[in-house]
């Protein structure tokens, strides 16, 4: 991939802090989503005069193109996709602020009426097209049978705090993704790929593509649980599905899908999914 810098307007600038990096020593995916959330609100404000806050995107489809490590400046550029299958979507490009290299992309299905904004050229939005995850919203799943069978597990549970919400009081995208990332090690372990094995083999957990769908609003003080399961298992990648819901009512708040791989931390390249994980998946 070249370092061609997009002509789209800048909607966010930031910096990769040490505390934003995970055990693989690159920026955790929740902070990519935070950057896209910031950019999406700036874009909406400049185009419409109003801030839809957490609801700037009902569906956000993100692809990770290269790692961002601590100390790197980041820039997000945003625009409107006006043609092709994804016409009407909002595009965000997250670039390394010094090299101009593309680090991640997001395609949003906006939750507001789009005003006048810069049109993204084809060479920009083609980099964001879905690859390992199907496009479109993910509806709620009936998870009870999967929990009973052992295919799904409750991977996270926590109270929603006010600092996780936007100006409208709804749960921010990066706060949802932080629950996905906190729950992920439990799902990987459930799939047979435990932290101990990863440490002993110098390998790491990596997400290469993610999709978030908002299903209902949430607010401060609610108890939320995350139910997770393996969606499919291939030779080098597999998918994790998540459903975030209200612990008291059972109402589904959001659903997500993550395309994952195992990465050799020395070569920084993908390795085959271990056979014991495929065997564990095939039991279900």
Protein backbone atom coordinates (compact mmCIF):
# COMPACT_ATOMS: atom_id res chain seq x y z
CA UNK A 1 0.00 0.00 0.00
CA UNK A 2 1.38 3.42 -0.94
CA UNK A 3 1.65 6.47 1.27
CA UNK A 4 -0.61 8.60 -0.96
CA UNK A 5 -2.23 11.17 1.32
CA UNK A 6 -5.94 11.66 0.81
CA UNK A 7 -7.31 15.07 -0.15
CA UNK A 8 -10.27 14.69 2.24
CA UNK A 9 -10.52 17.26 5.05
CA UNK A 10 -9.00 16.46 8.43
CA UNK A 11 -11.62 15.79 11.10
CA UNK A 12 -9.42 14.59 13.97
CA UNK A 13 -5.80 14.75 15.14
CA UNK A 14 -4.33 12.81 18.02
CA UNK A 15 -1.34 10.80 19.26
CA UNK A 16 -0.73 7.19 20.26
CA UNK A 17 -0.09 7.20 24.00
CA UNK A 18 1.70 4.38 25.79
CA UNK A 19 -1.39 3.61 27.89
CA UNK A 20 -3.44 3.10 24.70
CA UNK A 21 -1.27 0.17 23.57
CA UNK A 22 -2.01 -3.47 24.39
CA UNK A 23 0.14 -6.51 25.10
CA UNK A 24 1.14 -6.64 21.42
CA UNK A 25 2.64 -3.13 21.84
CA UNK A 26 0.35 -1.51 19.28
CA UNK A 27 -2.65 0.78 19.73
CA UNK A 28 -5.68 -1.12 21.00
CA UNK A 29 -8.65 -1.27 18.65
CA UNK A 30 -10.93 0.66 21.02
CA UNK A 31 -8.81 3.76 20.45
CA UNK A 32 -9.11 3.46 16.67
CA UNK A 33 -12.87 3.50 17.28
CA UNK A 34 -12.49 6.52 19.56
CA UNK A 35 -10.65 8.39 16.81
CA UNK A 36 -13.36 7.48 14.29
CA UNK A 37 -16.06 8.54 16.76
CA UNK A 38 -14.40 11.92 17.27
CA UNK A 39 -14.04 12.40 13.51
CA UNK A 40 -17.64 11.38 12.85
CA UNK A 41 -18.98 13.97 15.31
CA UNK A 42 -16.79 16.75 13.88
CA UNK A 43 -17.93 15.84 10.35
CA UNK A 44 -21.61 15.82 11.33
CA UNK A 45 -21.31 19.17 13.09
CA UNK A 46 -19.57 20.81 10.13
CA UNK A 47 -22.09 19.38 7.64
CA UNK A 48 -25.36 19.80 9.54
CA UNK A 49 -24.74 22.12 12.48
CA UNK A 50 -25.83 19.39 14.89
CA UNK A 51 -23.95 16.68 16.78
CA UNK A 52 -25.66 13.25 16.69
CA UNK A 53 -23.09 12.18 19.30
CA UNK A 54 -22.98 8.41 19.83
CA UNK A 55 -25.47 7.89 17.01
CA UNK A 56 -23.29 9.25 14.20
CA UNK A 57 -23.11 5.65 12.96
CA UNK A 58 -25.67 2.87 13.31
CA UNK A 59 -23.21 0.47 11.65
CA UNK A 60 -19.45 1.09 11.67
CA UNK A 61 -17.27 -1.30 9.62
CA UNK A 62 -13.54 -0.96 10.37
CA UNK A 63 -10.51 -2.48 8.68
CA UNK A 64 -7.02 -2.37 10.20
CA UNK A 65 -4.32 -1.95 7.56
CA UNK A 66 -1.18 -1.57 9.65
CA UNK A 67 -0.07 -1.30 13.24
CA UNK A 68 0.25 2.00 15.07
CA UNK A 69 2.77 2.02 17.90
CA UNK A 70 3.33 4.41 20.80
CA UNK A 71 4.54 7.87 19.94
CA UNK A 72 2.98 8.07 16.48
CA UNK A 73 0.85 11.09 15.55
CA UNK A 74 -2.46 10.21 13.91
CA UNK A 75 -4.77 12.07 11.53
CA UNK A 76 -8.31 11.17 10.47
CA UNK A 77 -9.81 12.42 7.20
CA UNK A 78 -13.51 12.03 6.42
CA UNK A 79 -15.93 12.33 3.53
CA UNK A 80 -19.07 11.05 1.86
CA UNK A 81 -19.25 8.02 -0.47
CA UNK A 82 -21.42 9.11 -3.39
CA UNK A 83 -21.30 6.11 -5.76
CA UNK A 84 -21.17 2.33 -5.87
CA UNK A 85 -22.67 -0.26 -3.55
CA UNK A 86 -21.85 1.79 -0.45
CA UNK A 87 -23.18 5.13 -1.69
CA UNK A 88 -24.54 7.11 1.24
CA UNK A 89 -21.89 5.80 3.64
CA UNK A 90 -19.43 8.02 5.50
CA UNK A 91 -15.73 7.21 5.03
CA UNK A 92 -13.00 7.80 7.59
CA UNK A 93 -9.29 7.30 6.85
CA UNK A 94 -6.90 7.04 9.80
CA UNK A 95 -3.36 7.87 8.73
CA UNK A 96 0.04 8.04 10.37
CA UNK A 97 0.44 11.79 10.80
CA UNK A 98 4.10 11.81 9.71
CA UNK A 99 4.40 9.18 6.98
CA UNK A 100 0.86 9.49 5.59
CA UNK A 101 0.56 5.70 5.57
CA UNK A 102 -3.00 4.40 5.92
CA UNK A 103 -3.45 2.63 9.27
CA UNK A 104 -7.21 1.96 9.36
CA UNK A 105 -10.46 2.75 7.59
CA UNK A 106 -14.09 3.00 8.68
CA UNK A 107 -17.32 2.91 6.69
CA UNK A 108 -20.29 4.30 8.61
CA UNK A 109 -23.98 3.87 7.91
CA UNK A 110 -24.91 7.24 9.41
CA UNK A 111 -27.64 7.67 11.97
CA UNK A 112 -28.48 11.19 10.77
CA UNK A 113 -29.48 12.97 7.58
CA UNK A 114 -26.22 13.73 5.80
CA UNK A 115 -25.70 17.36 4.78
CA UNK A 116 -23.25 18.76 2.27
CA UNK A 117 -19.76 17.34 2.70
CA UNK A 118 -16.67 16.44 0.72
CA UNK A 119 -17.11 13.47 -1.64
CA UNK A 120 -14.54 10.71 -1.15
CA UNK A 121 -12.71 9.67 -4.35
CA UNK A 122 -12.85 6.02 -5.35
CA UNK A 123 -9.18 5.42 -4.57
CA UNK A 124 -9.98 6.30 -0.94
CA UNK A 125 -13.14 4.29 -0.29
CA UNK A 126 -11.98 1.12 -2.08
CA UNK A 127 -9.47 0.62 0.76
CA UNK A 128 -12.37 0.51 3.23
CA UNK A 129 -14.56 -2.07 1.50
CA UNK A 130 -15.53 -5.08 3.66
CA UNK A 131 -13.22 -8.04 3.17
CA UNK A 132 -13.49 -10.74 5.82
CA UNK A 133 -16.83 -9.65 7.32
CA UNK A 134 -20.08 -9.31 5.42
CA UNK A 135 -21.44 -5.74 5.09
CA UNK A 136 -24.71 -4.57 6.59
CA UNK A 137 -26.20 -4.56 10.09
CA UNK A 138 -26.04 -7.51 12.49
CA UNK A 139 -29.36 -8.15 14.17
CA UNK A 140 -29.77 -9.59 17.65
CA UNK A 141 -29.29 -13.33 18.08
CA UNK A 142 -31.14 -15.79 20.31
CA UNK A 143 -28.22 -16.56 22.59
CA UNK A 144 -29.88 -18.75 25.22
CA UNK A 145 -29.38 -22.02 23.34
CA UNK A 146 -25.74 -21.16 22.62
CA UNK A 147 -25.11 -20.40 26.29
CA UNK A 148 -26.77 -23.65 27.35
CA UNK A 149 -24.77 -25.71 24.84
CA UNK A 150 -21.49 -24.07 25.84
CA UNK A 151 -20.85 -22.58 22.41
CA UNK A 152 -21.26 -19.03 23.82
CA UNK A 153 -20.00 -17.58 27.09
CA UNK A 154 -20.56 -14.40 29.08
CA UNK A 155 -17.21 -12.74 28.46
CA UNK A 156 -17.70 -9.39 30.23
CA UNK A 157 -20.03 -7.66 32.68
CA UNK A 158 -19.89 -4.10 34.01
CA UNK A 159 -21.91 -1.04 34.94
CA UNK A 160 -22.18 1.71 32.31
CA UNK A 161 -20.53 4.87 33.65
CA UNK A 162 -21.20 8.46 32.56
CA UNK A 163 -17.69 8.93 31.09
CA UNK A 164 -18.56 6.21 28.54
CA UNK A 165 -21.45 8.21 27.08
CA UNK A 166 -21.69 11.04 24.58
CA UNK A 167 -23.55 14.37 24.81
CA UNK A 168 -26.83 12.55 24.19
CA UNK A 169 -26.22 10.18 27.13
CA UNK A 170 -25.88 7.12 24.88
CA UNK A 171 -23.01 4.63 25.02
CA UNK A 172 -20.08 5.68 22.79
CA UNK A 173 -18.71 3.32 20.13
CA UNK A 174 -15.26 3.08 21.73
CA UNK A 175 -16.88 2.17 25.08
CA UNK A 176 -18.65 -0.73 23.37
CA UNK A 177 -15.43 -1.83 21.69
CA UNK A 178 -13.56 -1.64 25.01
CA UNK A 179 -15.99 -4.28 26.29
CA UNK A 180 -15.26 -6.38 23.21
CA UNK A 181 -11.51 -6.17 23.83
CA UNK A 182 -11.85 -6.91 27.57
CA UNK A 183 -14.01 -9.91 26.77
CA UNK A 184 -11.83 -11.17 23.91
CA UNK A 185 -9.22 -13.07 26.01
CA UNK A 186 -12.03 -15.10 27.61
CA UNK A 187 -13.37 -16.04 24.16
CA UNK A 188 -9.90 -16.90 22.85
CA UNK A 189 -9.36 -19.12 25.91
CA UNK A 190 -12.78 -20.70 25.35
CA UNK A 191 -11.63 -21.42 21.78
CA UNK A 192 -8.55 -23.19 23.15
CA UNK A 193 -6.08 -20.37 22.46
CA UNK A 194 -5.11 -19.47 26.02
CA UNK A 195 -2.87 -16.61 27.15
CA UNK A 196 -0.32 -19.09 28.56
CA UNK A 197 0.08 -20.79 25.15
CA UNK A 198 0.39 -17.43 23.40
CA UNK A 199 3.09 -16.29 25.84
CA UNK A 200 5.05 -19.53 25.55
CA UNK A 201 5.01 -19.39 21.74
CA UNK A 202 5.57 -15.60 21.50
CA UNK A 203 2.34 -15.06 19.63
CA UNK A 204 -0.43 -12.52 20.02
CA UNK A 205 -4.14 -11.90 19.50
CA UNK A 206 -4.89 -9.57 16.59
CA UNK A 207 -8.07 -8.14 15.05
CA UNK A 208 -7.90 -7.23 11.36
CA UNK A 209 -11.52 -6.22 10.73
CA UNK A 210 -14.48 -5.30 12.94
CA UNK A 211 -18.12 -4.35 12.59
CA UNK A 212 -20.32 -2.71 15.21
CA UNK A 213 -24.10 -2.45 14.94
CA UNK A 214 -26.18 -0.37 17.37
CA UNK A 215 -29.48 -2.00 18.31
CA UNK A 216 -30.82 0.10 21.21
CA UNK A 217 -29.87 3.06 23.37
CA UNK A 218 -28.30 2.64 26.76
CA UNK A 219 -27.58 5.01 29.61
CA UNK A 220 -25.50 5.58 32.73
CA UNK A 221 -26.02 3.15 35.59
CA UNK A 222 -27.26 0.17 33.57
CA UNK A 223 -25.60 -3.20 34.06
CA UNK A 224 -24.39 -4.61 30.73
CA UNK A 225 -23.18 -8.11 29.92
CA UNK A 226 -21.39 -9.32 26.81
CA UNK A 227 -22.18 -12.73 25.33
CA UNK A 228 -19.54 -13.99 22.88
CA UNK A 229 -18.94 -16.99 20.65
CA UNK A 230 -16.79 -18.16 17.73
CA UNK A 231 -18.60 -17.55 14.45
CA UNK A 232 -16.36 -19.47 12.07
CA UNK A 233 -12.86 -20.95 12.00
CA UNK A 234 -10.54 -20.97 8.99
CA UNK A 235 -6.93 -21.89 8.34
CA UNK A 236 -5.47 -18.49 9.30
CA UNK A 237 -8.42 -16.44 10.56
CA UNK A 238 -11.57 -16.89 12.60
CA UNK A 239 -14.45 -14.68 13.65
CA UNK A 240 -15.71 -13.76 17.10
CA UNK A 241 -19.31 -12.64 17.52
CA UNK A 242 -20.42 -10.41 20.39
CA UNK A 243 -23.81 -9.34 21.70
CA UNK A 244 -24.00 -6.63 24.36
CA UNK A 245 -27.17 -6.60 26.39
CA UNK A 246 -28.85 -5.23 29.48
CA UNK A 247 -28.30 -7.71 32.32
CA UNK A 248 -31.66 -6.95 33.94
CA UNK A 249 -34.02 -6.83 30.93
CA UNK A 250 -32.09 -8.91 28.40
CA UNK A 251 -32.50 -6.15 25.79
CA UNK A 252 -29.80 -6.30 23.10
CA UNK A 253 -27.85 -3.03 22.97
CA UNK A 254 -25.28 -3.77 20.27
CA UNK A 255 -23.84 -6.60 18.21
CA UNK A 256 -20.40 -7.02 16.75
CA UNK A 257 -18.18 -9.24 14.67
CA UNK A 258 -14.39 -9.39 14.72
CA UNK A 259 -12.11 -11.10 12.19
CA UNK A 260 -9.10 -12.38 14.15
CA UNK A 261 -5.75 -14.01 13.58
CA UNK A 262 -2.78 -15.28 15.55
CA UNK A 263 0.35 -13.17 14.96
CA UNK A 264 3.98 -14.13 15.47
CA UNK A 265 5.27 -11.26 17.60
CA UNK A 266 8.78 -11.55 16.17
CA UNK A 267 7.93 -11.50 12.46
CA UNK A 268 4.65 -9.57 12.97
CA UNK A 269 2.99 -11.94 10.52
CA UNK A 270 -0.05 -14.20 10.73
CA UNK A 271 0.41 -17.89 11.49
CA UNK A 272 -2.08 -20.75 11.03
CA UNK A 273 -4.80 -21.09 13.65
CA UNK A 274 -3.65 -23.97 15.92
CA UNK A 275 -5.31 -27.31 15.17
CA UNK A 276 -6.60 -27.68 18.72
CA UNK A 277 -8.65 -24.47 18.29
CA UNK A 278 -10.21 -25.79 15.08
CA UNK A 279 -10.95 -29.09 16.85
CA UNK A 280 -12.62 -27.22 19.73
CA UNK A 281 -14.74 -25.19 17.31
CA UNK A 282 -15.82 -28.30 15.38
CA UNK A 283 -17.34 -29.76 18.57
CA UNK A 284 -20.11 -27.17 18.27
